[in-house]
mmCIF file of all heavy atoms, coordinates in Angstrom:
data_MODEL
# 
_entry.id   MODEL 
# 
loop_
_atom_site.group_PDB 
_atom_site.id 
_atom_site.type_symbol 
_atom_site.label_atom_id 
_atom_site.label_alt_id 
_atom_site.label_comp_id 
_atom_site.label_asym_id 
_atom_site.label_entity_id 
_atom_site.label_seq_id 
_atom_site.pdbx_PDB_ins_code 
_atom_site.Cartn_x 
_atom_site.Cartn_y 
_atom_site.Cartn_z 
_atom_site.occupancy 
_atom_site.B_iso_or_equiv 
_atom_site.pdbx_formal_charge 
_atom_site.auth_seq_id 
_atom_site.auth_comp_id 
_atom_site.auth_asym_id 
_atom_site.auth_atom_id 
_atom_site.pdbx_PDB_model_num 
ATOM 1   N N   . GLY A 1 1  ? 97.009  94.970  95.616  1.00 0.00 ? 1  GLY A N   1 
ATOM 2   C CA  . GLY A 1 1  ? 96.517  96.321  95.272  1.00 0.00 ? 1  GLY A CA  1 
ATOM 3   C C   . GLY A 1 1  ? 95.841  97.075  96.463  1.00 0.00 ? 1  GLY A C   1 
ATOM 4   O O   . GLY A 1 1  ? 96.136  96.625  97.591  1.00 0.00 ? 1  GLY A O   1 
ATOM 5   N N   . TYR A 1 2  ? 95.118  98.001  96.240  1.00 0.00 ? 2  TYR A N   1 
ATOM 6   C CA  . TYR A 1 2  ? 94.593  98.858  97.261  1.00 0.00 ? 2  TYR A CA  1 
ATOM 7   C C   . TYR A 1 2  ? 93.094  98.437  97.614  1.00 0.00 ? 2  TYR A C   1 
ATOM 8   O O   . TYR A 1 2  ? 92.243  98.311  96.733  1.00 0.00 ? 2  TYR A O   1 
ATOM 9   C CB  . TYR A 1 2  ? 94.547  100.316 96.817  1.00 0.00 ? 2  TYR A CB  1 
ATOM 10  C CG  . TYR A 1 2  ? 95.939  100.915 96.504  1.00 0.00 ? 2  TYR A CG  1 
ATOM 11  C CD1 . TYR A 1 2  ? 96.234  101.190 95.229  1.00 0.00 ? 2  TYR A CD1 1 
ATOM 12  C CD2 . TYR A 1 2  ? 96.904  100.841 97.419  1.00 0.00 ? 2  TYR A CD2 1 
ATOM 13  C CE1 . TYR A 1 2  ? 97.437  101.694 94.881  1.00 0.00 ? 2  TYR A CE1 1 
ATOM 14  C CE2 . TYR A 1 2  ? 98.239  101.358 97.063  1.00 0.00 ? 2  TYR A CE2 1 
ATOM 15  C CZ  . TYR A 1 2  ? 98.512  101.674 95.773  1.00 0.00 ? 2  TYR A CZ  1 
ATOM 16  O OH  . TYR A 1 2  ? 99.813  102.124 95.536  1.00 0.00 ? 2  TYR A OH  1 
ATOM 17  N N   . VAL A 1 3  ? 92.939  98.272  98.886  1.00 0.00 ? 3  VAL A N   1 
ATOM 18  C CA  . VAL A 1 3  ? 91.572  97.825  99.353  1.00 0.00 ? 3  VAL A CA  1 
ATOM 19  C C   . VAL A 1 3  ? 90.498  98.859  99.028  1.00 0.00 ? 3  VAL A C   1 
ATOM 20  O O   . VAL A 1 3  ? 90.668  100.102 99.349  1.00 0.00 ? 3  VAL A O   1 
ATOM 21  C CB  . VAL A 1 3  ? 91.606  97.537  100.871 1.00 0.00 ? 3  VAL A CB  1 
ATOM 22  C CG1 . VAL A 1 3  ? 90.215  97.276  101.434 1.00 0.00 ? 3  VAL A CG1 1 
ATOM 23  C CG2 . VAL A 1 3  ? 92.632  96.472  101.208 1.00 0.00 ? 3  VAL A CG2 1 
ATOM 24  N N   . GLU A 1 4  ? 89.363  98.423  98.362  1.00 0.00 ? 4  GLU A N   1 
ATOM 25  C CA  . GLU A 1 4  ? 88.307  99.300  98.009  1.00 0.00 ? 4  GLU A CA  1 
ATOM 26  C C   . GLU A 1 4  ? 88.674  100.500 97.096  1.00 0.00 ? 4  GLU A C   1 
ATOM 27  O O   . GLU A 1 4  ? 88.047  101.462 97.175  1.00 0.00 ? 4  GLU A O   1 
ATOM 28  C CB  . GLU A 1 4  ? 87.597  99.753  99.318  1.00 0.00 ? 4  GLU A CB  1 
ATOM 29  C CG  . GLU A 1 4  ? 87.031  98.770  100.193 1.00 0.00 ? 4  GLU A CG  1 
ATOM 30  C CD  . GLU A 1 4  ? 85.807  98.074  99.538  1.00 0.00 ? 4  GLU A CD  1 
ATOM 31  O OE1 . GLU A 1 4  ? 84.930  98.730  99.095  1.00 0.00 ? 4  GLU A OE1 1 
ATOM 32  O OE2 . GLU A 1 4  ? 85.788  96.815  99.428  1.00 0.00 ? 4  GLU A OE2 1 
ATOM 33  N N   . ARG A 1 5  ? 89.782  100.403 96.401  1.00 0.00 ? 5  ARG A N   1 
ATOM 34  C CA  . ARG A 1 5  ? 90.279  101.420 95.491  1.00 0.00 ? 5  ARG A CA  1 
ATOM 35  C C   . ARG A 1 5  ? 90.631  100.758 94.162  1.00 0.00 ? 5  ARG A C   1 
ATOM 36  O O   . ARG A 1 5  ? 91.753  100.796 93.741  1.00 0.00 ? 5  ARG A O   1 
ATOM 37  C CB  . ARG A 1 5  ? 91.445  102.134 96.162  1.00 0.00 ? 5  ARG A CB  1 
ATOM 38  C CG  . ARG A 1 5  ? 91.287  102.688 97.509  1.00 0.00 ? 5  ARG A CG  1 
ATOM 39  C CD  . ARG A 1 5  ? 90.467  104.043 97.443  1.00 0.00 ? 5  ARG A CD  1 
ATOM 40  N NE  . ARG A 1 5  ? 90.647  104.776 98.631  1.00 0.00 ? 5  ARG A NE  1 
ATOM 41  C CZ  . ARG A 1 5  ? 89.879  104.504 99.752  1.00 0.00 ? 5  ARG A CZ  1 
ATOM 42  N NH1 . ARG A 1 5  ? 88.943  103.504 99.690  1.00 0.00 ? 5  ARG A NH1 1 
ATOM 43  N NH2 . ARG A 1 5  ? 90.003  105.117 100.886 1.00 0.00 ? 5  ARG A NH2 1 
ATOM 44  N N   . ALA A 1 6  ? 89.507  100.319 93.483  1.00 0.00 ? 6  ALA A N   1 
ATOM 45  C CA  . ALA A 1 6  ? 89.805  99.554  92.235  1.00 0.00 ? 6  ALA A CA  1 
ATOM 46  C C   . ALA A 1 6  ? 90.410  100.518 91.182  1.00 0.00 ? 6  ALA A C   1 
ATOM 47  O O   . ALA A 1 6  ? 91.250  100.121 90.413  1.00 0.00 ? 6  ALA A O   1 
ATOM 48  C CB  . ALA A 1 6  ? 88.503  99.039  91.664  1.00 0.00 ? 6  ALA A CB  1 
ATOM 49  N N   . GLY A 1 7  ? 89.938  101.799 91.073  1.00 0.00 ? 7  GLY A N   1 
ATOM 50  C CA  . GLY A 1 7  ? 90.466  102.639 90.089  1.00 0.00 ? 7  GLY A CA  1 
ATOM 51  C C   . GLY A 1 7  ? 91.890  102.996 90.382  1.00 0.00 ? 7  GLY A C   1 
ATOM 52  O O   . GLY A 1 7  ? 92.776  103.038 89.441  1.00 0.00 ? 7  GLY A O   1 
ATOM 53  N N   . LEU A 1 8  ? 92.186  103.222 91.589  1.00 0.00 ? 8  LEU A N   1 
ATOM 54  C CA  . LEU A 1 8  ? 93.630  103.507 91.943  1.00 0.00 ? 8  LEU A CA  1 
ATOM 55  C C   . LEU A 1 8  ? 94.591  102.324 91.780  1.00 0.00 ? 8  LEU A C   1 
ATOM 56  O O   . LEU A 1 8  ? 95.656  102.423 91.274  1.00 0.00 ? 8  LEU A O   1 
ATOM 57  C CB  . LEU A 1 8  ? 93.705  103.943 93.439  1.00 0.00 ? 8  LEU A CB  1 
ATOM 58  C CG  . LEU A 1 8  ? 95.074  104.405 93.995  1.00 0.00 ? 8  LEU A CG  1 
ATOM 59  C CD1 . LEU A 1 8  ? 95.510  105.629 93.194  1.00 0.00 ? 8  LEU A CD1 1 
ATOM 60  C CD2 . LEU A 1 8  ? 94.919  104.816 95.425  1.00 0.00 ? 8  LEU A CD2 1 
ATOM 61  N N   . THR A 1 9  ? 94.051  101.153 91.997  1.00 0.00 ? 9  THR A N   1 
ATOM 62  C CA  . THR A 1 9  ? 94.741  99.913  91.836  1.00 0.00 ? 9  THR A CA  1 
ATOM 63  C C   . THR A 1 9  ? 95.076  99.684  90.308  1.00 0.00 ? 9  THR A C   1 
ATOM 64  O O   . THR A 1 9  ? 96.215  99.429  89.884  1.00 0.00 ? 9  THR A O   1 
ATOM 65  C CB  . THR A 1 9  ? 94.078  98.626  92.333  1.00 0.00 ? 9  THR A CB  1 
ATOM 66  O OG1 . THR A 1 9  ? 93.902  98.795  93.722  1.00 0.00 ? 9  THR A OG1 1 
ATOM 67  C CG2 . THR A 1 9  ? 94.741  97.434  92.077  1.00 0.00 ? 9  THR A CG2 1 
ATOM 68  N N   . SER A 1 10 ? 94.038  99.907  89.504  1.00 0.00 ? 10 SER A N   1 
ATOM 69  C CA  . SER A 1 10 ? 94.338  99.650  88.108  1.00 0.00 ? 10 SER A CA  1 
ATOM 70  C C   . SER A 1 10 ? 95.289  100.718 87.454  1.00 0.00 ? 10 SER A C   1 
ATOM 71  O O   . SER A 1 10 ? 95.958  100.471 86.453  1.00 0.00 ? 10 SER A O   1 
ATOM 72  C CB  . SER A 1 10 ? 93.027  99.750  87.304  1.00 0.00 ? 10 SER A CB  1 
ATOM 73  O OG  . SER A 1 10 ? 92.473  101.089 87.424  1.00 0.00 ? 10 SER A OG  1 
ATOM 74  N N   . GLY A 1 11 ? 95.393  101.942 88.170  1.00 0.00 ? 11 GLY A N   1 
ATOM 75  C CA  . GLY A 1 11 ? 96.308  102.974 87.598  1.00 0.00 ? 11 GLY A CA  1 
ATOM 76  C C   . GLY A 1 11 ? 97.720  102.699 88.016  1.00 0.00 ? 11 GLY A C   1 
ATOM 77  O O   . GLY A 1 11 ? 98.694  103.181 87.411  1.00 0.00 ? 11 GLY A O   1 
ATOM 78  N N   . ARG A 1 12 ? 97.915  102.020 89.162  1.00 0.00 ? 12 ARG A N   1 
ATOM 79  C CA  . ARG A 1 12 ? 99.319  101.751 89.647  1.00 0.00 ? 12 ARG A CA  1 
ATOM 80  C C   . ARG A 1 12 ? 99.795  100.367 89.419  1.00 0.00 ? 12 ARG A C   1 
ATOM 81  O O   . ARG A 1 12 ? 101.018 100.127 89.324  1.00 0.00 ? 12 ARG A O   1 
ATOM 82  C CB  . ARG A 1 12 ? 99.318  102.100 91.170  1.00 0.00 ? 12 ARG A CB  1 
ATOM 83  C CG  . ARG A 1 12 ? 98.884  103.455 91.602  1.00 0.00 ? 12 ARG A CG  1 
ATOM 84  C CD  . ARG A 1 12 ? 99.795  104.563 91.062  1.00 0.00 ? 12 ARG A CD  1 
ATOM 85  N NE  . ARG A 1 12 ? 101.166 104.459 91.616  1.00 0.00 ? 12 ARG A NE  1 
ATOM 86  C CZ  . ARG A 1 12 ? 101.921 105.550 91.665  1.00 0.00 ? 12 ARG A CZ  1 
ATOM 87  N NH1 . ARG A 1 12 ? 101.491 106.662 91.236  1.00 0.00 ? 12 ARG A NH1 1 
ATOM 88  N NH2 . ARG A 1 12 ? 103.166 105.471 92.179  1.00 0.00 ? 12 ARG A NH2 1 
ATOM 89  N N   . PHE A 1 13 ? 98.956  99.339  89.376  1.00 0.00 ? 13 PHE A N   1 
ATOM 90  C CA  . PHE A 1 13 ? 99.279  98.012  89.133  1.00 0.00 ? 13 PHE A CA  1 
ATOM 91  C C   . PHE A 1 13 ? 98.911  97.686  87.642  1.00 0.00 ? 13 PHE A C   1 
ATOM 92  O O   . PHE A 1 13 ? 97.638  97.469  87.409  1.00 0.00 ? 13 PHE A O   1 
ATOM 93  C CB  . PHE A 1 13 ? 98.610  97.039  90.034  1.00 0.00 ? 13 PHE A CB  1 
ATOM 94  C CG  . PHE A 1 13 ? 99.032  97.146  91.507  1.00 0.00 ? 13 PHE A CG  1 
ATOM 95  C CD1 . PHE A 1 13 ? 98.586  98.083  92.319  1.00 0.00 ? 13 PHE A CD1 1 
ATOM 96  C CD2 . PHE A 1 13 ? 100.047 96.246  92.002  1.00 0.00 ? 13 PHE A CD2 1 
ATOM 97  C CE1 . PHE A 1 13 ? 99.145  98.275  93.661  1.00 0.00 ? 13 PHE A CE1 1 
ATOM 98  C CE2 . PHE A 1 13 ? 100.525 96.348  93.365  1.00 0.00 ? 13 PHE A CE2 1 
ATOM 99  C CZ  . PHE A 1 13 ? 100.014 97.382  94.131  1.00 0.00 ? 13 PHE A CZ  1 
ATOM 100 N N   . VAL A 1 14 ? 99.752  97.724  86.715  1.00 0.00 ? 14 VAL A N   1 
ATOM 101 C CA  . VAL A 1 14 ? 99.423  97.618  85.354  1.00 0.00 ? 14 VAL A CA  1 
ATOM 102 C C   . VAL A 1 14 ? 100.018 96.404  84.723  1.00 0.00 ? 14 VAL A C   1 
ATOM 103 O O   . VAL A 1 14 ? 100.869 95.767  85.301  1.00 0.00 ? 14 VAL A O   1 
ATOM 104 C CB  . VAL A 1 14 ? 100.063 98.856  84.578  1.00 0.00 ? 14 VAL A CB  1 
ATOM 105 C CG1 . VAL A 1 14 ? 99.386  100.250 85.153  1.00 0.00 ? 14 VAL A CG1 1 
ATOM 106 C CG2 . VAL A 1 14 ? 101.536 98.984  84.727  1.00 0.00 ? 14 VAL A CG2 1 
ATOM 107 N N   . ALA A 1 15 ? 99.541  96.062  83.597  1.00 0.00 ? 15 ALA A N   1 
ATOM 108 C CA  . ALA A 1 15 ? 99.990  94.911  82.839  1.00 0.00 ? 15 ALA A CA  1 
ATOM 109 C C   . ALA A 1 15 ? 101.484 94.898  82.608  1.00 0.00 ? 15 ALA A C   1 
ATOM 110 O O   . ALA A 1 15 ? 101.979 96.016  82.293  1.00 0.00 ? 15 ALA A O   1 
ATOM 111 C CB  . ALA A 1 15 ? 99.269  94.775  81.481  1.00 0.00 ? 15 ALA A CB  1 
ATOM 112 N N   . ASP A 1 16 ? 102.219 93.851  82.776  1.00 0.00 ? 16 ASP A N   1 
ATOM 113 C CA  . ASP A 1 16 ? 103.584 93.740  82.648  1.00 0.00 ? 16 ASP A CA  1 
ATOM 114 C C   . ASP A 1 16 ? 103.905 93.299  81.165  1.00 0.00 ? 16 ASP A C   1 
ATOM 115 O O   . ASP A 1 16 ? 103.736 92.129  80.895  1.00 0.00 ? 16 ASP A O   1 
ATOM 116 C CB  . ASP A 1 16 ? 104.167 92.741  83.645  1.00 0.00 ? 16 ASP A CB  1 
ATOM 117 C CG  . ASP A 1 16 ? 105.720 92.564  83.510  1.00 0.00 ? 16 ASP A CG  1 
ATOM 118 O OD1 . ASP A 1 16 ? 106.271 93.288  82.700  1.00 0.00 ? 16 ASP A OD1 1 
ATOM 119 O OD2 . ASP A 1 16 ? 106.250 91.744  84.228  1.00 0.00 ? 16 ASP A OD2 1 
ATOM 120 N N   . PRO A 1 17 ? 104.399 94.131  80.388  1.00 0.00 ? 17 PRO A N   1 
ATOM 121 C CA  . PRO A 1 17 ? 104.606 93.799  78.958  1.00 0.00 ? 17 PRO A CA  1 
ATOM 122 C C   . PRO A 1 17 ? 105.830 92.952  78.804  1.00 0.00 ? 17 PRO A C   1 
ATOM 123 O O   . PRO A 1 17 ? 106.044 92.376  77.650  1.00 0.00 ? 17 PRO A O   1 
ATOM 124 C CB  . PRO A 1 17 ? 104.862 95.278  78.199  1.00 0.00 ? 17 PRO A CB  1 
ATOM 125 C CG  . PRO A 1 17 ? 105.376 96.094  79.327  1.00 0.00 ? 17 PRO A CG  1 
ATOM 126 C CD  . PRO A 1 17 ? 104.640 95.626  80.624  1.00 0.00 ? 17 PRO A CD  1 
ATOM 127 N N   . PHE A 1 18 ? 106.622 92.756  79.822  1.00 0.00 ? 18 PHE A N   1 
ATOM 128 C CA  . PHE A 1 18 ? 107.854 91.963  79.730  1.00 0.00 ? 18 PHE A CA  1 
ATOM 129 C C   . PHE A 1 18 ? 107.731 90.669  80.342  1.00 0.00 ? 18 PHE A C   1 
ATOM 130 O O   . PHE A 1 18 ? 108.700 89.791  80.304  1.00 0.00 ? 18 PHE A O   1 
ATOM 131 C CB  . PHE A 1 18 ? 109.048 92.784  80.396  1.00 0.00 ? 18 PHE A CB  1 
ATOM 132 C CG  . PHE A 1 18 ? 109.147 94.176  79.861  1.00 0.00 ? 18 PHE A CG  1 
ATOM 133 C CD1 . PHE A 1 18 ? 108.681 95.194  80.657  1.00 0.00 ? 18 PHE A CD1 1 
ATOM 134 C CD2 . PHE A 1 18 ? 109.767 94.419  78.601  1.00 0.00 ? 18 PHE A CD2 1 
ATOM 135 C CE1 . PHE A 1 18 ? 108.749 96.484  80.226  1.00 0.00 ? 18 PHE A CE1 1 
ATOM 136 C CE2 . PHE A 1 18 ? 109.890 95.761  78.114  1.00 0.00 ? 18 PHE A CE2 1 
ATOM 137 C CZ  . PHE A 1 18 ? 109.303 96.767  78.972  1.00 0.00 ? 18 PHE A CZ  1 
ATOM 138 N N   . GLY A 1 19 ? 106.580 90.380  81.075  1.00 0.00 ? 19 GLY A N   1 
ATOM 139 C CA  . GLY A 1 19 ? 106.394 89.102  81.783  1.00 0.00 ? 19 GLY A CA  1 
ATOM 140 C C   . GLY A 1 19 ? 105.451 88.219  81.116  1.00 0.00 ? 19 GLY A C   1 
ATOM 141 O O   . GLY A 1 19 ? 105.119 88.415  79.918  1.00 0.00 ? 19 GLY A O   1 
ATOM 142 N N   . GLU A 1 20 ? 105.062 87.168  81.786  1.00 0.00 ? 20 GLU A N   1 
ATOM 143 C CA  . GLU A 1 20 ? 104.127 86.202  81.197  1.00 0.00 ? 20 GLU A CA  1 
ATOM 144 C C   . GLU A 1 20 ? 102.719 86.820  81.169  1.00 0.00 ? 20 GLU A C   1 
ATOM 145 O O   . GLU A 1 20 ? 102.468 87.734  81.819  1.00 0.00 ? 20 GLU A O   1 
ATOM 146 C CB  . GLU A 1 20 ? 104.014 84.935  82.234  1.00 0.00 ? 20 GLU A CB  1 
ATOM 147 C CG  . GLU A 1 20 ? 105.401 84.142  82.332  1.00 0.00 ? 20 GLU A CG  1 
ATOM 148 C CD  . GLU A 1 20 ? 105.708 83.569  81.016  1.00 0.00 ? 20 GLU A CD  1 
ATOM 149 O OE1 . GLU A 1 20 ? 104.758 83.163  80.336  1.00 0.00 ? 20 GLU A OE1 1 
ATOM 150 O OE2 . GLU A 1 20 ? 106.970 83.346  80.732  1.00 0.00 ? 20 GLU A OE2 1 
ATOM 151 N N   . PRO A 1 21 ? 102.019 86.380  80.221  1.00 0.00 ? 21 PRO A N   1 
ATOM 152 C CA  . PRO A 1 21 ? 100.615 86.912  80.044  1.00 0.00 ? 21 PRO A CA  1 
ATOM 153 C C   . PRO A 1 21 ? 99.820  86.837  81.407  1.00 0.00 ? 21 PRO A C   1 
ATOM 154 O O   . PRO A 1 21 ? 99.900  85.934  82.082  1.00 0.00 ? 21 PRO A O   1 
ATOM 155 C CB  . PRO A 1 21 ? 99.966  85.950  79.101  1.00 0.00 ? 21 PRO A CB  1 
ATOM 156 C CG  . PRO A 1 21 ? 101.124 85.412  78.282  1.00 0.00 ? 21 PRO A CG  1 
ATOM 157 C CD  . PRO A 1 21 ? 102.245 85.279  79.249  1.00 0.00 ? 21 PRO A CD  1 
ATOM 158 N N   . GLY A 1 22 ? 99.223  87.976  81.696  1.00 0.00 ? 22 GLY A N   1 
ATOM 159 C CA  . GLY A 1 22 ? 98.393  88.072  82.946  1.00 0.00 ? 22 GLY A CA  1 
ATOM 160 C C   . GLY A 1 22 ? 99.212  88.590  84.088  1.00 0.00 ? 22 GLY A C   1 
ATOM 161 O O   . GLY A 1 22 ? 98.557  88.893  85.152  1.00 0.00 ? 22 GLY A O   1 
ATOM 162 N N   . THR A 1 23 ? 100.461 88.719  84.054  1.00 0.00 ? 23 THR A N   1 
ATOM 163 C CA  . THR A 1 23 ? 101.274 89.335  85.143  1.00 0.00 ? 23 THR A CA  1 
ATOM 164 C C   . THR A 1 23 ? 101.195 90.781  85.161  1.00 0.00 ? 23 THR A C   1 
ATOM 165 O O   . THR A 1 23 ? 100.987 91.495  84.162  1.00 0.00 ? 23 THR A O   1 
ATOM 166 C CB  . THR A 1 23 ? 102.755 88.862  85.020  1.00 0.00 ? 23 THR A CB  1 
ATOM 167 O OG1 . THR A 1 23 ? 103.336 89.344  83.788  1.00 0.00 ? 23 THR A OG1 1 
ATOM 168 C CG2 . THR A 1 23 ? 102.795 87.327  85.153  1.00 0.00 ? 23 THR A CG2 1 
ATOM 169 N N   . ARG A 1 24 ? 101.461 91.338  86.360  1.00 0.00 ? 24 ARG A N   1 
ATOM 170 C CA  . ARG A 1 24 ? 101.360 92.819  86.598  1.00 0.00 ? 24 ARG A CA  1 
ATOM 171 C C   . ARG A 1 24 ? 102.721 93.373  87.026  1.00 0.00 ? 24 ARG A C   1 
ATOM 172 O O   . ARG A 1 24 ? 103.606 92.650  87.485  1.00 0.00 ? 24 ARG A O   1 
ATOM 173 C CB  . ARG A 1 24 ? 100.279 93.160  87.622  1.00 0.00 ? 24 ARG A CB  1 
ATOM 174 C CG  . ARG A 1 24 ? 98.919  92.615  87.437  1.00 0.00 ? 24 ARG A CG  1 
ATOM 175 C CD  . ARG A 1 24 ? 98.042  92.925  88.621  1.00 0.00 ? 24 ARG A CD  1 
ATOM 176 N NE  . ARG A 1 24 ? 98.664  92.237  89.851  1.00 0.00 ? 24 ARG A NE  1 
ATOM 177 C CZ  . ARG A 1 24 ? 98.446  92.794  91.076  1.00 0.00 ? 24 ARG A CZ  1 
ATOM 178 N NH1 . ARG A 1 24 ? 97.733  93.785  91.283  1.00 0.00 ? 24 ARG A NH1 1 
ATOM 179 N NH2 . ARG A 1 24 ? 99.046  92.170  92.100  1.00 0.00 ? 24 ARG A NH2 1 
ATOM 180 N N   . MET A 1 25 ? 102.797 94.707  86.898  1.00 0.00 ? 25 MET A N   1 
ATOM 181 C CA  . MET A 1 25 ? 103.957 95.416  87.484  1.00 0.00 ? 25 MET A CA  1 
ATOM 182 C C   . MET A 1 25 ? 103.426 96.630  88.229  1.00 0.00 ? 25 MET A C   1 
ATOM 183 O O   . MET A 1 25 ? 102.321 97.153  87.858  1.00 0.00 ? 25 MET A O   1 
ATOM 184 C CB  . MET A 1 25 ? 104.946 95.783  86.492  1.00 0.00 ? 25 MET A CB  1 
ATOM 185 C CG  . MET A 1 25 ? 104.447 96.638  85.346  1.00 0.00 ? 25 MET A CG  1 
ATOM 186 S SD  . MET A 1 25 ? 105.713 96.966  84.153  1.00 0.00 ? 25 MET A SD  1 
ATOM 187 C CE  . MET A 1 25 ? 104.910 98.132  83.000  1.00 0.00 ? 25 MET A CE  1 
ATOM 188 N N   . TYR A 1 26 ? 104.179 97.022  89.253  1.00 0.00 ? 26 TYR A N   1 
ATOM 189 C CA  . TYR A 1 26 ? 103.670 98.260  90.063  1.00 0.00 ? 26 TYR A CA  1 
ATOM 190 C C   . TYR A 1 26 ? 104.521 99.453  89.660  1.00 0.00 ? 26 TYR A C   1 
ATOM 191 O O   . TYR A 1 26 ? 105.732 99.378  89.610  1.00 0.00 ? 26 TYR A O   1 
ATOM 192 C CB  . TYR A 1 26 ? 103.908 97.950  91.506  1.00 0.00 ? 26 TYR A CB  1 
ATOM 193 C CG  . TYR A 1 26 ? 103.767 99.132  92.442  1.00 0.00 ? 26 TYR A CG  1 
ATOM 194 C CD1 . TYR A 1 26 ? 102.427 99.754  92.597  1.00 0.00 ? 26 TYR A CD1 1 
ATOM 195 C CD2 . TYR A 1 26 ? 104.813 99.737  93.062  1.00 0.00 ? 26 TYR A CD2 1 
ATOM 196 C CE1 . TYR A 1 26 ? 102.329 100.865 93.313  1.00 0.00 ? 26 TYR A CE1 1 
ATOM 197 C CE2 . TYR A 1 26 ? 104.599 100.840 93.900  1.00 0.00 ? 26 TYR A CE2 1 
ATOM 198 C CZ  . TYR A 1 26 ? 103.313 101.450 93.956  1.00 0.00 ? 26 TYR A CZ  1 
ATOM 199 O OH  . TYR A 1 26 ? 103.144 102.542 94.736  1.00 0.00 ? 26 TYR A OH  1 
# 
């Protein structure tokens, strides 16, 4: 994700509803 940009990271790297639990998608 983005360094020192937690809010931006959470908005672009989101939970992957099609993958294993805990995985993300960009």
